């Protein structure tokens, strides 16, 4: 199925508030904004850490292919900012245990 220039294919997502599928509608009518809170990595990176970025990129690509403009913002969480880590940074503690330079 080919879409005409500028035509959007309707994409629906599950809305937990209404418990129904709702079509995606950009707030300003043009661009869908996506914020992806990245992984909080305490030890060696693994494929599970990649999942967050992979899924957000797949959503962005699906939106683009469906005729939407999108803006994707991603981050990597700094574990030192969390309140339970206030006294000791987990990355620094682990590097000391492994006798490695962080």
N, C-alpha and C. Protein backbone atom coordinates (compact mmCIF):
# COMPACT_ATOMS: atom_id res chain seq x y z
N UNK A 1 0.84 -1.17 0.00
CA UNK A 1 0.00 0.00 0.00
C UNK A 1 0.89 1.23 0.00
N UNK A 2 0.69 2.11 -0.95
CA UNK A 2 1.48 3.32 -1.07
C UNK A 2 0.67 4.50 -0.56
N UNK A 3 1.33 5.37 0.19
CA UNK A 3 0.62 6.55 0.69
C UNK A 3 0.99 7.76 -0.15
N UNK A 4 0.06 8.68 -0.26
CA UNK A 4 0.29 9.91 -1.01
C UNK A 4 1.23 10.81 -0.22
N UNK A 5 1.95 11.69 -0.93
CA UNK A 5 2.87 12.64 -0.30
C UNK A 5 2.14 13.43 0.78
N UNK A 6 2.72 13.47 1.99
CA UNK A 6 2.12 14.22 3.09
C UNK A 6 1.04 13.47 3.85
N UNK A 7 0.61 12.33 3.34
CA UNK A 7 -0.43 11.55 4.01
C UNK A 7 0.18 10.73 5.14
N UNK A 8 -0.51 10.68 6.26
CA UNK A 8 -0.03 9.91 7.40
C UNK A 8 -0.83 8.62 7.54
N UNK A 9 -0.13 7.58 7.95
CA UNK A 9 -0.79 6.34 8.31
C UNK A 9 -1.10 6.43 9.80
N UNK A 10 -2.31 6.13 10.20
CA UNK A 10 -2.69 6.25 11.60
C UNK A 10 -1.98 5.19 12.44
N UNK A 11 -1.35 5.64 13.50
CA UNK A 11 -0.71 4.75 14.47
C UNK A 11 -1.44 4.93 15.79
N UNK A 12 -1.79 3.81 16.41
CA UNK A 12 -2.49 3.88 17.70
C UNK A 12 -1.60 3.29 18.79
N UNK A 13 -1.72 3.87 19.99
CA UNK A 13 -1.02 3.36 21.16
C UNK A 13 -2.04 3.15 22.27
N UNK A 14 -1.71 2.28 23.20
CA UNK A 14 -2.62 2.00 24.31
C UNK A 14 -2.49 3.10 25.35
N UNK A 15 -3.61 3.73 25.67
CA UNK A 15 -3.67 4.80 26.67
C UNK A 15 -4.12 4.17 27.99
N UNK A 16 -3.23 4.15 28.98
CA UNK A 16 -3.56 3.51 30.25
C UNK A 16 -4.62 4.27 31.03
N UNK A 17 -4.78 5.57 30.76
CA UNK A 17 -5.80 6.36 31.46
C UNK A 17 -7.21 5.97 30.99
N UNK A 18 -7.39 5.91 29.66
CA UNK A 18 -8.71 5.58 29.11
C UNK A 18 -8.88 4.08 28.87
N UNK A 19 -7.78 3.35 28.94
CA UNK A 19 -7.76 1.91 28.67
C UNK A 19 -8.26 1.58 27.27
N UNK A 20 -7.87 2.44 26.34
CA UNK A 20 -8.27 2.25 24.94
C UNK A 20 -7.09 2.58 24.03
N UNK A 21 -7.17 2.07 22.80
CA UNK A 21 -6.19 2.47 21.79
C UNK A 21 -6.54 3.87 21.33
N UNK A 22 -5.55 4.74 21.30
CA UNK A 22 -5.74 6.13 20.87
C UNK A 22 -4.78 6.44 19.73
N UNK A 23 -5.22 7.17 18.71
CA UNK A 23 -4.30 7.55 17.64
C UNK A 23 -3.27 8.56 18.14
N UNK A 24 -2.06 8.45 17.63
CA UNK A 24 -1.02 9.42 17.96
C UNK A 24 -1.35 10.73 17.28
N UNK A 25 -1.36 11.80 18.07
CA UNK A 25 -1.63 13.14 17.55
C UNK A 25 -0.56 14.08 18.08
N UNK A 26 0.29 14.63 17.20
CA UNK A 26 1.30 15.58 17.67
C UNK A 26 0.63 16.79 18.33
N UNK A 27 1.19 17.27 19.42
CA UNK A 27 0.60 18.40 20.15
C UNK A 27 0.48 19.65 19.28
N UNK A 28 1.52 19.92 18.49
CA UNK A 28 1.49 21.12 17.66
C UNK A 28 1.00 20.81 16.25
N UNK A 29 0.54 19.58 16.05
CA UNK A 29 0.03 19.19 14.74
C UNK A 29 1.09 18.75 13.75
N UNK A 30 2.38 18.89 14.13
CA UNK A 30 3.44 18.57 13.18
C UNK A 30 4.42 17.52 13.68
N UNK A 31 5.02 17.77 14.83
CA UNK A 31 6.14 16.94 15.29
C UNK A 31 5.75 16.14 16.54
N UNK A 32 6.05 14.84 16.52
CA UNK A 32 5.87 13.99 17.69
C UNK A 32 7.16 14.05 18.49
N UNK A 33 7.07 14.49 19.74
CA UNK A 33 8.25 14.56 20.61
C UNK A 33 8.35 13.28 21.43
N UNK A 34 9.55 12.71 21.47
CA UNK A 34 9.78 11.47 22.21
C UNK A 34 10.95 11.70 23.15
N UNK A 35 10.77 11.43 24.46
CA UNK A 35 11.87 11.49 25.41
C UNK A 35 12.12 10.08 25.91
N UNK A 36 13.35 9.65 25.79
CA UNK A 36 13.73 8.30 26.21
C UNK A 36 14.74 8.40 27.34
N UNK A 37 14.32 8.02 28.53
CA UNK A 37 15.23 8.00 29.67
C UNK A 37 16.11 6.77 29.51
N UNK A 38 17.37 7.00 29.30
CA UNK A 38 18.30 5.92 28.98
C UNK A 38 18.61 5.02 30.15
N UNK A 39 19.49 4.07 29.93
CA UNK A 39 19.82 3.10 30.97
C UNK A 39 20.64 3.71 32.10
N UNK A 40 20.49 3.14 33.27
CA UNK A 40 21.37 3.45 34.40
C UNK A 40 22.30 2.26 34.51
N UNK A 41 23.52 2.42 34.05
CA UNK A 41 24.47 1.31 33.95
C UNK A 41 25.43 1.36 35.13
N UNK A 42 25.39 0.33 35.97
CA UNK A 42 26.27 0.26 37.14
C UNK A 42 27.52 -0.56 36.86
N UNK A 43 27.44 -1.50 35.96
CA UNK A 43 28.56 -2.40 35.68
C UNK A 43 28.80 -2.41 34.19
N UNK A 44 29.39 -3.49 33.70
CA UNK A 44 29.67 -3.61 32.27
C UNK A 44 28.37 -3.50 31.48
N UNK A 45 28.46 -2.81 30.36
CA UNK A 45 27.29 -2.69 29.48
C UNK A 45 26.97 -4.07 28.88
N UNK A 46 25.69 -4.32 28.65
CA UNK A 46 25.26 -5.58 28.05
C UNK A 46 24.12 -5.29 27.09
N UNK A 47 23.67 -6.31 26.38
CA UNK A 47 22.66 -6.12 25.34
C UNK A 47 21.35 -5.59 25.93
N UNK A 48 21.06 -5.87 27.18
CA UNK A 48 19.86 -5.34 27.82
C UNK A 48 19.87 -3.83 27.90
N UNK A 49 21.07 -3.23 28.07
CA UNK A 49 21.19 -1.77 28.10
C UNK A 49 20.85 -1.17 26.74
N UNK A 50 21.11 -1.92 25.69
CA UNK A 50 20.84 -1.46 24.33
C UNK A 50 19.35 -1.40 24.02
N UNK A 51 18.56 -2.21 24.71
CA UNK A 51 17.13 -2.33 24.44
C UNK A 51 16.41 -0.99 24.46
N UNK A 52 16.71 -0.17 25.46
CA UNK A 52 16.05 1.13 25.59
C UNK A 52 16.24 1.97 24.34
N UNK A 53 17.49 2.06 23.89
CA UNK A 53 17.80 2.88 22.72
C UNK A 53 17.24 2.27 21.44
N UNK A 54 17.29 0.95 21.35
CA UNK A 54 16.77 0.27 20.17
C UNK A 54 15.27 0.51 20.01
N UNK A 55 14.52 0.32 21.09
CA UNK A 55 13.07 0.48 21.00
C UNK A 55 12.66 1.92 20.69
N UNK A 56 13.32 2.89 21.32
CA UNK A 56 12.96 4.28 21.04
C UNK A 56 13.30 4.65 19.59
N UNK A 57 14.41 4.12 19.08
CA UNK A 57 14.76 4.38 17.68
C UNK A 57 13.77 3.70 16.73
N UNK A 58 13.33 2.50 17.08
CA UNK A 58 12.33 1.82 16.24
C UNK A 58 11.01 2.59 16.20
N UNK A 59 10.60 3.14 17.34
CA UNK A 59 9.38 3.94 17.39
C UNK A 59 9.54 5.17 16.50
N UNK A 60 10.70 5.85 16.61
CA UNK A 60 10.95 7.03 15.78
C UNK A 60 10.90 6.68 14.29
N UNK A 61 11.54 5.58 13.92
CA UNK A 61 11.55 5.17 12.51
C UNK A 61 10.15 4.81 12.02
N UNK A 62 9.36 4.14 12.86
CA UNK A 62 7.99 3.79 12.48
C UNK A 62 7.16 5.05 12.27
N UNK A 63 7.36 6.04 13.13
CA UNK A 63 6.64 7.31 12.97
C UNK A 63 7.03 7.99 11.66
N UNK A 64 8.33 8.02 11.37
CA UNK A 64 8.82 8.65 10.14
C UNK A 64 8.25 7.94 8.91
N UNK A 65 8.30 6.61 8.93
CA UNK A 65 7.79 5.84 7.79
C UNK A 65 6.27 5.99 7.64
N UNK A 66 5.60 6.37 8.72
CA UNK A 66 4.15 6.56 8.68
C UNK A 66 3.74 7.98 8.34
N UNK A 67 4.73 8.84 8.07
CA UNK A 67 4.43 10.20 7.64
C UNK A 67 4.52 11.27 8.72
N UNK A 68 4.95 10.89 9.92
CA UNK A 68 5.09 11.86 11.00
C UNK A 68 6.51 12.42 11.01
N UNK A 69 6.63 13.66 11.49
CA UNK A 69 7.95 14.18 11.85
C UNK A 69 8.13 13.84 13.31
N UNK A 70 9.38 13.57 13.72
CA UNK A 70 9.59 13.24 15.13
C UNK A 70 10.89 13.83 15.63
N UNK A 71 10.94 14.07 16.92
CA UNK A 71 12.14 14.55 17.60
C UNK A 71 12.38 13.61 18.76
N UNK A 72 13.50 12.89 18.72
CA UNK A 72 13.84 11.91 19.75
C UNK A 72 14.98 12.45 20.60
N UNK A 73 14.76 12.54 21.89
CA UNK A 73 15.79 12.95 22.84
C UNK A 73 16.10 11.74 23.72
N UNK A 74 17.39 11.40 23.84
CA UNK A 74 17.81 10.27 24.67
C UNK A 74 18.88 10.73 25.66
N UNK A 75 18.98 10.03 26.77
CA UNK A 75 20.04 10.33 27.72
C UNK A 75 20.63 9.05 28.28
N UNK A 76 21.72 9.20 28.99
CA UNK A 76 22.31 8.11 29.78
C UNK A 76 22.33 8.63 31.21
N UNK A 77 21.73 7.89 32.12
CA UNK A 77 21.60 8.34 33.49
C UNK A 77 22.94 8.30 34.21
N UNK A 78 23.26 9.38 34.91
CA UNK A 78 24.45 9.45 35.75
C UNK A 78 24.05 8.88 37.11
N UNK A 79 24.59 7.70 37.44
CA UNK A 79 24.15 7.03 38.66
C UNK A 79 24.54 7.79 39.92
N UNK A 80 25.47 8.72 39.85
CA UNK A 80 25.91 9.44 41.03
C UNK A 80 24.89 10.43 41.56
N UNK A 81 23.84 10.73 40.79
CA UNK A 81 22.87 11.74 41.22
C UNK A 81 21.78 11.19 42.12
N UNK A 82 21.64 9.88 42.21
CA UNK A 82 20.51 9.31 42.93
C UNK A 82 20.73 9.40 44.44
N UNK A 83 19.66 9.63 45.17
CA UNK A 83 19.75 9.88 46.61
C UNK A 83 20.37 8.72 47.38
N UNK A 84 20.06 7.49 46.98
CA UNK A 84 20.64 6.36 47.71
C UNK A 84 22.13 6.21 47.44
N UNK A 85 22.63 6.90 46.41
CA UNK A 85 24.06 6.88 46.09
C UNK A 85 24.78 8.10 46.65
N UNK A 86 24.09 8.87 47.47
CA UNK A 86 24.64 10.14 47.93
C UNK A 86 25.99 9.97 48.61
N UNK A 87 26.13 8.95 49.45
CA UNK A 87 27.37 8.78 50.18
C UNK A 87 28.47 8.18 49.33
N UNK A 88 28.13 7.29 48.41
CA UNK A 88 29.16 6.62 47.62
C UNK A 88 28.65 6.33 46.21
N UNK A 89 29.42 6.73 45.23
CA UNK A 89 29.10 6.47 43.83
C UNK A 89 29.33 4.99 43.55
N UNK A 90 28.32 4.29 43.02
CA UNK A 90 28.42 2.85 42.79
C UNK A 90 29.50 2.49 41.79
N UNK A 91 29.71 3.32 40.80
CA UNK A 91 30.76 3.04 39.81
C UNK A 91 32.13 3.13 40.46
N UNK A 92 32.35 4.16 41.28
CA UNK A 92 33.63 4.29 41.98
C UNK A 92 33.84 3.14 42.96
N UNK A 93 32.79 2.74 43.68
CA UNK A 93 32.90 1.63 44.62
C UNK A 93 33.26 0.34 43.90
N UNK A 94 32.61 0.06 42.77
CA UNK A 94 32.89 -1.15 42.01
C UNK A 94 34.31 -1.12 41.45
N UNK A 95 34.76 0.03 40.97
CA UNK A 95 36.12 0.12 40.43
C UNK A 95 37.16 -0.14 41.53
N UNK A 96 36.88 0.30 42.76
CA UNK A 96 37.80 0.02 43.88
C UNK A 96 37.82 -1.48 44.18
N UNK A 97 36.65 -2.12 44.17
CA UNK A 97 36.60 -3.57 44.43
C UNK A 97 37.39 -4.34 43.38
N UNK A 98 37.34 -3.88 42.13
CA UNK A 98 38.04 -4.55 41.04
C UNK A 98 39.47 -4.05 40.88
N UNK A 99 39.87 -3.10 41.76
CA UNK A 99 41.20 -2.49 41.69
C UNK A 99 41.49 -1.94 40.29
N UNK A 100 40.49 -1.19 39.78
CA UNK A 100 40.59 -0.60 38.45
C UNK A 100 40.41 0.90 38.54
N UNK A 101 40.95 1.60 37.56
CA UNK A 101 40.78 3.05 37.47
C UNK A 101 39.42 3.32 36.81
N UNK A 102 38.56 4.11 37.47
CA UNK A 102 37.24 4.35 36.89
C UNK A 102 37.35 5.17 35.63
